Structures are given as C-alpha cells and as structure tokens.
Amino acid sequence: MSTHSPSLWTILSETSHIIRAHFRQFLALSLLFIFPISILTFIYPFLLHPTSFNTQLFIPLIYGFLVLFSSLCATASLTYTTFHGFYGTPVTFLSSLKSILVSFLPLLATLLVVQLIVGLLVLVFALLMLLAYNGLLSVGFEMDYDSKYFLVFVILMGALLVGLLVYLQLEWSLSNAIVVVESKWGFAPLKRSSYLVKGMRRVVFSMIVLVGSVVGLFSMWYSSLLASAGGGISWWVVAQMVVYAGLLTMVSLYSMAANTVLFVYCKMSHGELVFEIDEELGGVYARLPAGDGMVSSVVYAAQ
C-alpha cells in the first residue's frame, strides 16, 4: 500500500467530494446542530445586559450548555457521516442521529480530559513563569512591571505557552474522529492521535493554520458586526448576521469533515486499511490508494 503523504489540497478536495455526494444530509445536520451555534454566538453579547443576578448567572450557563451540546452532537453525527461517505457505504439521516447516542458521552469525557490536561499545563507554566521571574530578580536583574524587559519576558513566556498549546492541538487533532470511529475515549484517543499524525504533521499543521486563519478573519468580521450593532440593530446588520452565521456554519462543517478525511488518510499512511461492512450486501468495502491520491470509487471484495 502506498504511504505517500497527501497534500492539504487532496484532503480538501476529497472532503468537498464527500459533502457534495451527501449534500442534503450534511445540510440537514449542519442546520440542526451548527447553525444554531452560529446564531447564538452572534446574539449572546446582546443578552449580557440583565437586570437581575439570576439572569446574570443563568444566561452564560444556558449558552455554554447549548453550545457544548450542539458541538458534541455535530461532531458525532458529521464525523460518522463523513467516515461512511468516504467509503461510499450507505448512511441514512437516522443512523447519523443514532451515532450521537453512542459517541456523545465518550466525546464529552475526552473533552474533559483534554481540558484537565491543558488546565494543569497552564497552571504549571504560570508557576514556572513566576519562579523564573523571581529567579531573575534574585540574581540582581532589574525588571519592573512597567519596564520593557518585563514586557519582553511576558511575550517570550506567552509565545512558549502558545507554542506548547499548538503542539498539543496538532498531536490531538484526530482525537474526536477516533472517539466516534474507533469507540475510544479518555486518554486513549489522545495517545492514538499522537501516533497517527506521525509522518503527516505537515498536512495536519497546514490544516490547523488554514482553519485558524479563517476563524481569525471571521472573528474580525464578528467584532465589526458587534461594533455596527452598538448603535442599534438595522436591517443591514441583520442581513450580515445571517450571512455570517451561514458562512460560519459551512466553515465548521468543512472543518469537521476534513478532519475525518485526514484521520482516514493518517490510518492509511500507517498501513491500516479500513474496511466498512455493508450488511445489506454482505460484503466488505475498502478504499484503495491510486497514485498520489485515493480512487473515488469503492472496491467491493466478496466474502
């Protein structure tokens, strides 16, 4: 089997092909789980002007719960649909919804593990930063809080922390797909992801940079929309909000689907040919490499 590392364009092209082939199903799942998050993200700041303490407490909690719930449902259903779409195996809208019941809690548990690890790393990094600062002071290095040396120190330490977090994101980028497809959870998908990205880190990093750049542009647009809405919501602001929510939904859809496609390519780069069972036909479907990419058809091997 070829272990040729695919390009980012190959991943995106395959993702686009799968989404077009199952467009109505992907559209329905996106409207059900991703589009509400996009709308909530925009209107949330306008809800943060409560008149009572109870409102101040419950609005962030309700918002956080809805975003978390919808995100996990979207991850489970879209990953499941994309994985089966890659192999051309039949997948119905109902089966995509059923995948949520299987993967929701494992995804949540894995997310909690990731947040725990990241939180501990940030805490340890902050303590090391404090020790380093006190160490510099103890050897006679003058560094007041308003000095340029302190600013440089903070920037350098911040850059190190950001670099560490980006590295962890790269190593664990396939964890959600692993949870859904391979039914692992907790630390196991993190370790598995770190193994699968070996030899594919360039492509994985390119995808992280691409998604991060697009999200950054959307954040700038989001800030400008909020600034425009500060003087009162007009029809023009509402129209932009709808367009913003729609585009953000499509970006999120492609990002989740591309991550699943990348997961499959990473498995194949390690010589792991994945088989999909079609119970109705009683056969095994396998995607086989062809040249620099993967064939678009599905090869059927009779049992």
Protein backbone atom coordinates (compact mmCIF):
# COMPACT_ATOMS: atom_id res chain seq x y z
CA MET A 1 0.00 0.00 0.00
CA SER A 2 1.23 3.47 -0.81
CA THR A 3 2.25 5.54 2.15
CA HIS A 4 2.59 8.72 0.10
CA SER A 5 1.60 11.68 2.25
CA PRO A 6 -1.32 13.52 0.65
CA SER A 7 -1.34 17.29 0.28
CA LEU A 8 -3.76 19.61 2.03
CA TRP A 9 -5.45 20.17 -1.31
CA THR A 10 -6.07 16.42 -1.61
CA ILE A 11 -7.75 16.39 1.80
CA LEU A 12 -9.92 19.40 0.97
CA SER A 13 -10.84 18.05 -2.47
CA GLU A 14 -11.88 14.69 -1.02
CA THR A 15 -13.89 16.48 1.67
CA SER A 16 -15.68 18.59 -0.91
CA HIS A 17 -16.46 15.47 -2.96
CA ILE A 18 -18.00 13.69 0.03
CA ILE A 19 -20.10 16.68 1.05
CA ARG A 20 -21.41 17.15 -2.49
CA ALA A 21 -22.29 13.45 -2.70
CA HIS A 22 -24.35 13.66 0.51
CA PHE A 23 -25.21 17.34 0.41
CA ARG A 24 -28.77 17.19 1.72
CA GLN A 25 -27.79 15.06 4.69
CA PHE A 26 -24.84 17.28 5.58
CA LEU A 27 -27.02 20.35 5.15
CA ALA A 28 -29.71 18.95 7.46
CA LEU A 29 -27.17 18.06 10.16
CA SER A 30 -25.50 21.47 9.85
CA LEU A 31 -28.80 23.33 10.16
CA LEU A 32 -29.75 21.18 13.12
CA PHE A 33 -26.53 21.41 15.14
CA ILE A 34 -24.07 24.00 13.74
CA PHE A 35 -26.28 26.86 12.53
CA PRO A 36 -27.88 27.40 15.98
CA ILE A 37 -24.38 27.77 17.47
CA SER A 38 -23.52 30.40 14.86
CA ILE A 39 -26.69 32.35 15.67
CA LEU A 40 -26.15 32.03 19.42
CA THR A 41 -22.57 33.25 19.08
CA PHE A 42 -23.80 36.46 17.48
CA ILE A 43 -26.75 37.24 19.75
CA TYR A 44 -25.06 36.20 23.01
CA PRO A 45 -23.40 39.60 23.70
CA PHE A 46 -26.81 41.30 23.39
CA LEU A 47 -28.15 39.06 26.16
CA LEU A 48 -25.48 40.15 28.63
CA HIS A 49 -27.38 43.20 29.86
CA PRO A 50 -29.56 41.61 32.54
CA THR A 51 -31.42 43.38 35.27
CA SER A 52 -31.13 40.69 37.92
CA PHE A 53 -28.44 38.50 39.42
CA ASN A 54 -30.29 35.32 38.43
CA THR A 55 -30.24 36.41 34.78
CA GLN A 56 -26.53 37.19 35.00
CA LEU A 57 -25.89 33.67 36.30
CA PHE A 58 -28.18 31.60 34.08
CA ILE A 59 -27.63 33.17 30.66
CA PRO A 60 -23.91 32.17 30.46
CA LEU A 61 -24.75 28.70 31.83
CA ILE A 62 -27.55 28.13 29.33
CA TYR A 63 -25.42 29.49 26.49
CA GLY A 64 -22.47 27.26 27.45
CA PHE A 65 -24.68 24.19 27.75
CA LEU A 66 -26.36 24.75 24.37
CA VAL A 67 -23.04 25.35 22.60
CA LEU A 68 -21.43 22.29 24.20
CA PHE A 69 -24.42 20.05 23.48
CA SER A 70 -24.74 21.17 19.86
CA SER A 71 -20.99 20.94 19.26
CA LEU A 72 -20.77 17.37 20.51
CA CYS A 73 -23.84 16.34 18.52
CA ALA A 74 -22.39 17.95 15.39
CA THR A 75 -19.03 16.28 15.91
CA ALA A 76 -20.56 12.84 16.39
CA SER A 77 -23.05 12.96 13.51
CA LEU A 78 -20.82 14.71 10.95
CA THR A 79 -17.81 12.53 11.70
CA TYR A 80 -19.92 9.40 11.36
CA THR A 81 -21.46 10.61 8.09
CA THR A 82 -18.13 11.70 6.61
CA PHE A 83 -16.39 8.45 7.53
CA HIS A 84 -19.06 6.34 5.86
CA GLY A 85 -19.25 8.75 2.95
CA PHE A 86 -15.52 8.33 2.36
CA TYR A 87 -16.03 4.63 1.73
CA GLY A 88 -19.26 5.08 -0.16
CA THR A 89 -21.22 2.96 2.28
CA PRO A 90 -24.92 3.78 2.68
CA VAL A 91 -25.66 6.10 5.59
CA THR A 92 -29.08 7.47 6.47
CA PHE A 93 -30.00 10.60 8.36
CA LEU A 94 -31.44 8.46 11.15
CA SER A 95 -28.23 6.45 11.51
CA SER A 96 -26.27 9.70 11.75
CA LEU A 97 -28.52 10.82 14.58
CA LYS A 98 -28.18 7.43 16.29
CA SER A 99 -24.40 7.84 16.26
CA ILE A 100 -24.87 10.71 18.69
CA LEU A 101 -26.28 8.33 21.30
CA VAL A 102 -23.15 6.18 21.03
CA SER A 103 -20.50 8.91 20.86
CA PHE A 104 -21.86 11.78 22.95
CA LEU A 105 -20.63 10.67 26.38
CA PRO A 106 -17.23 9.42 25.11
CA LEU A 107 -16.71 12.76 23.33
CA LEU A 108 -17.66 14.63 26.49
CA ALA A 109 -15.34 12.51 28.65
CA THR A 110 -12.46 13.02 26.22
CA LEU A 111 -13.11 16.77 26.14
CA LEU A 112 -13.00 16.89 29.94
CA VAL A 113 -9.68 15.01 29.92
CA VAL A 114 -8.24 17.46 27.40
CA GLN A 115 -9.43 20.46 29.40
CA LEU A 116 -7.98 18.97 32.58
CA ILE A 117 -4.58 18.38 30.97
CA VAL A 118 -4.50 21.84 29.38
CA GLY A 119 -5.57 23.46 32.66
CA LEU A 120 -2.84 21.69 34.60
CA LEU A 121 -0.23 22.62 31.97
CA VAL A 122 -1.25 26.28 32.08
CA LEU A 123 -1.09 26.23 35.89
CA VAL A 124 2.36 24.61 35.88
CA PHE A 125 3.55 27.03 33.21
CA ALA A 126 2.31 30.00 35.27
CA LEU A 127 4.17 28.70 38.35
CA LEU A 128 7.36 28.21 36.30
CA MET A 129 6.97 31.70 34.90
CA LEU A 130 6.67 33.11 38.42
CA LEU A 131 9.72 31.14 39.56
CA ALA A 132 11.71 32.34 36.55
CA TYR A 133 10.74 35.95 37.23
CA ASN A 134 11.72 35.69 40.91
CA GLY A 135 14.95 33.94 39.89
CA LEU A 136 15.90 36.83 37.61
CA LEU A 137 15.20 39.29 40.41
CA SER A 138 17.26 37.28 42.90
CA VAL A 139 20.38 37.46 40.69
CA GLY A 140 20.10 41.24 40.51
CA PHE A 141 18.30 41.65 37.19
CA GLU A 142 16.12 44.76 37.41
CA MET A 143 12.75 44.15 35.81
CA ASP A 144 9.89 46.37 36.94
CA TYR A 145 6.35 45.68 35.81
CA ASP A 146 6.34 48.77 33.60
CA SER A 147 9.75 48.14 32.04
CA LYS A 148 10.35 46.93 28.50
CA TYR A 149 12.31 43.96 29.87
CA PHE A 150 9.26 42.72 31.72
CA LEU A 151 7.18 43.11 28.56
CA VAL A 152 9.73 41.10 26.56
CA PHE A 153 9.76 38.44 29.32
CA VAL A 154 5.97 38.14 29.25
CA ILE A 155 5.89 37.97 25.44
CA LEU A 156 8.53 35.24 25.34
CA MET A 157 6.81 33.16 28.01
CA GLY A 158 3.45 33.67 26.32
CA ALA A 159 4.91 32.57 22.99
CA LEU A 160 6.27 29.41 24.61
CA LEU A 161 2.86 28.64 26.09
CA VAL A 162 1.09 29.25 22.77
CA GLY A 163 3.63 27.04 21.00
CA LEU A 164 3.01 24.25 23.51
CA LEU A 165 -0.77 24.51 23.09
CA VAL A 166 -0.47 24.48 19.28
CA TYR A 167 1.74 21.39 19.51
CA LEU A 168 -0.84 19.63 21.68
CA GLN A 169 -3.59 20.62 19.26
CA LEU A 170 -1.55 19.12 16.43
CA GLU A 171 -0.89 15.89 18.34
CA TRP A 172 -4.50 15.50 19.45
CA SER A 173 -6.20 16.81 16.29
CA LEU A 174 -7.64 13.39 15.36
CA SER A 175 -8.99 12.54 18.82
CA ASN A 176 -12.64 13.33 18.05
CA ALA A 177 -12.63 11.19 14.92
CA ILE A 178 -11.01 8.38 16.88
CA VAL A 179 -13.69 8.59 19.58
CA VAL A 180 -16.50 8.34 17.03
CA VAL A 181 -14.99 5.78 14.63
CA GLU A 182 -12.92 3.58 16.95
CA SER A 183 -15.07 3.89 20.10
CA LYS A 184 -12.19 5.02 22.31
CA TRP A 185 -12.41 7.70 24.97
CA GLY A 186 -10.40 9.49 27.65
CA PHE A 187 -6.62 9.31 27.28
CA ALA A 188 -6.73 6.53 24.66
CA PRO A 189 -7.80 8.70 21.67
CA LEU A 190 -5.16 11.30 22.58
CA LYS A 191 -2.41 8.70 22.52
CA ARG A 192 -3.83 7.15 19.35
CA SER A 193 -3.99 10.54 17.63
CA SER A 194 -0.37 11.28 18.50
CA TYR A 195 0.60 8.01 16.84
CA LEU A 196 -1.47 8.54 13.69
CA VAL A 197 -0.21 12.07 12.95
CA LYS A 198 3.38 10.83 12.71
CA GLY A 199 4.54 11.36 9.15
CA MET A 200 1.51 13.60 8.49
CA ARG A 201 2.32 16.52 10.79
CA ARG A 202 2.98 18.88 7.89
CA VAL A 203 -0.50 18.33 6.50
CA VAL A 204 -2.11 18.45 9.95
CA PHE A 205 -0.29 21.69 10.78
CA SER A 206 -1.30 23.20 7.43
CA MET A 207 -4.94 22.43 8.18
CA ILE A 208 -4.67 23.95 11.66
CA VAL A 209 -3.16 27.11 10.18
CA LEU A 210 -5.83 27.28 7.47
CA VAL A 211 -8.72 26.82 9.89
CA GLY A 212 -7.14 29.23 12.38
CA SER A 213 -6.70 31.89 9.69
CA VAL A 214 -10.31 31.57 8.54
CA VAL A 215 -11.56 31.71 12.14
CA GLY A 216 -9.38 34.77 12.71
CA LEU A 217 -10.96 36.54 9.73
CA PHE A 218 -14.42 35.62 10.99
CA SER A 219 -13.52 36.98 14.43
CA MET A 220 -12.58 40.32 12.86
CA TRP A 221 -15.85 40.35 10.94
CA TYR A 222 -17.70 39.42 14.14
CA SER A 223 -16.10 42.32 16.02
CA SER A 224 -17.05 44.77 13.27
CA LEU A 225 -20.63 43.49 13.29
CA LEU A 226 -20.86 43.97 17.05
CA ALA A 227 -19.45 47.46 16.70
CA SER A 228 -22.01 48.26 14.00
CA ALA A 229 -24.83 46.87 16.13
CA GLY A 230 -23.72 49.00 19.07
CA GLY A 231 -25.57 51.98 17.68
CA GLY A 232 -28.73 49.94 17.08
CA ILE A 233 -29.62 46.90 15.03
CA SER A 234 -30.57 47.75 11.45
CA TRP A 235 -31.70 45.57 8.57
CA TRP A 236 -28.17 45.74 7.16
CA VAL A 237 -26.70 44.39 10.39
CA VAL A 238 -29.32 41.62 10.48
CA ALA A 239 -28.55 40.69 6.88
CA GLN A 240 -24.84 40.50 7.65
CA MET A 241 -25.60 38.42 10.73
CA VAL A 242 -27.48 35.86 8.64
CA VAL A 243 -24.67 35.72 6.07
CA TYR A 244 -22.09 35.46 8.87
CA ALA A 245 -23.97 32.59 10.52
CA GLY A 246 -24.36 30.76 7.21
CA LEU A 247 -20.69 31.07 6.24
CA LEU A 248 -19.54 30.13 9.74
CA THR A 249 -21.75 27.05 9.55
CA MET A 250 -20.18 25.99 6.25
CA VAL A 251 -16.66 26.57 7.58
CA SER A 252 -17.42 24.47 10.67
CA LEU A 253 -18.93 21.72 8.51
CA TYR A 254 -15.92 21.56 6.21
CA SER A 255 -13.53 21.68 9.15
CA MET A 256 -15.15 18.69 10.89
CA ALA A 257 -15.49 16.71 7.67
CA ALA A 258 -11.90 17.45 6.60
CA ASN A 259 -10.64 16.33 9.99
CA THR A 260 -12.37 12.97 9.48
CA VAL A 261 -10.91 12.60 5.98
CA LEU A 262 -7.49 13.44 7.39
CA PHE A 263 -7.99 10.74 10.02
CA VAL A 264 -8.61 8.12 7.34
CA TYR A 265 -5.55 9.20 5.35
CA CYS A 266 -3.43 9.04 8.50
CA LYS A 267 -4.61 5.47 9.12
CA MET A 268 -3.72 4.53 5.56
CA SER A 269 -0.31 6.19 5.83
CA HIS A 270 0.38 3.74 8.67
CA GLY A 271 -0.72 0.78 6.57
CA GLU A 272 -4.10 0.47 8.24
CA LEU A 273 -6.61 -0.30 5.50
CA VAL A 274 -10.03 0.39 6.94
CA PHE A 275 -12.89 -1.88 5.95
CA GLU A 276 -16.53 -0.96 6.04
CA ILE A 277 -19.23 -3.62 6.22
CA ASP A 278 -22.36 -3.28 4.14
CA GLU A 279 -24.80 -5.54 5.96
CA GLU A 280 -27.38 -5.35 3.20
CA LEU A 281 -24.98 -6.62 0.53
CA GLY A 282 -22.98 -8.81 2.90
CA GLY A 283 -19.64 -7.60 1.58
CA VAL A 284 -16.60 -5.62 2.60
CA TYR A 285 -15.82 -2.26 1.06
CA ALA A 286 -12.28 -0.95 1.06
CA ARG A 287 -10.81 2.30 -0.22
CA LEU A 288 -7.56 1.60 -2.10
CA PRO A 289 -4.80 4.04 -3.00
CA ALA A 290 -4.22 5.07 -6.59
CA GLY A 291 -1.20 7.19 -7.39
CA ASP A 292 -0.93 10.41 -5.42
CA GLY A 293 -4.46 10.32 -4.11
CA MET A 294 -7.25 7.89 -3.50
CA VAL A 295 -9.66 6.47 -6.03
CA SER A 296 -13.14 7.92 -5.88
CA SER A 297 -14.84 4.58 -6.38
CA VAL A 298 -15.25 1.85 -3.82
CA VAL A 299 -13.84 -1.60 -4.34
CA TYR A 300 -16.04 -4.48 -3.31
CA ALA A 301 -14.46 -7.68 -2.00
CA ALA A 302 -16.90 -10.54 -1.69
CA GLN A 303 -16.70 -12.53 1.46
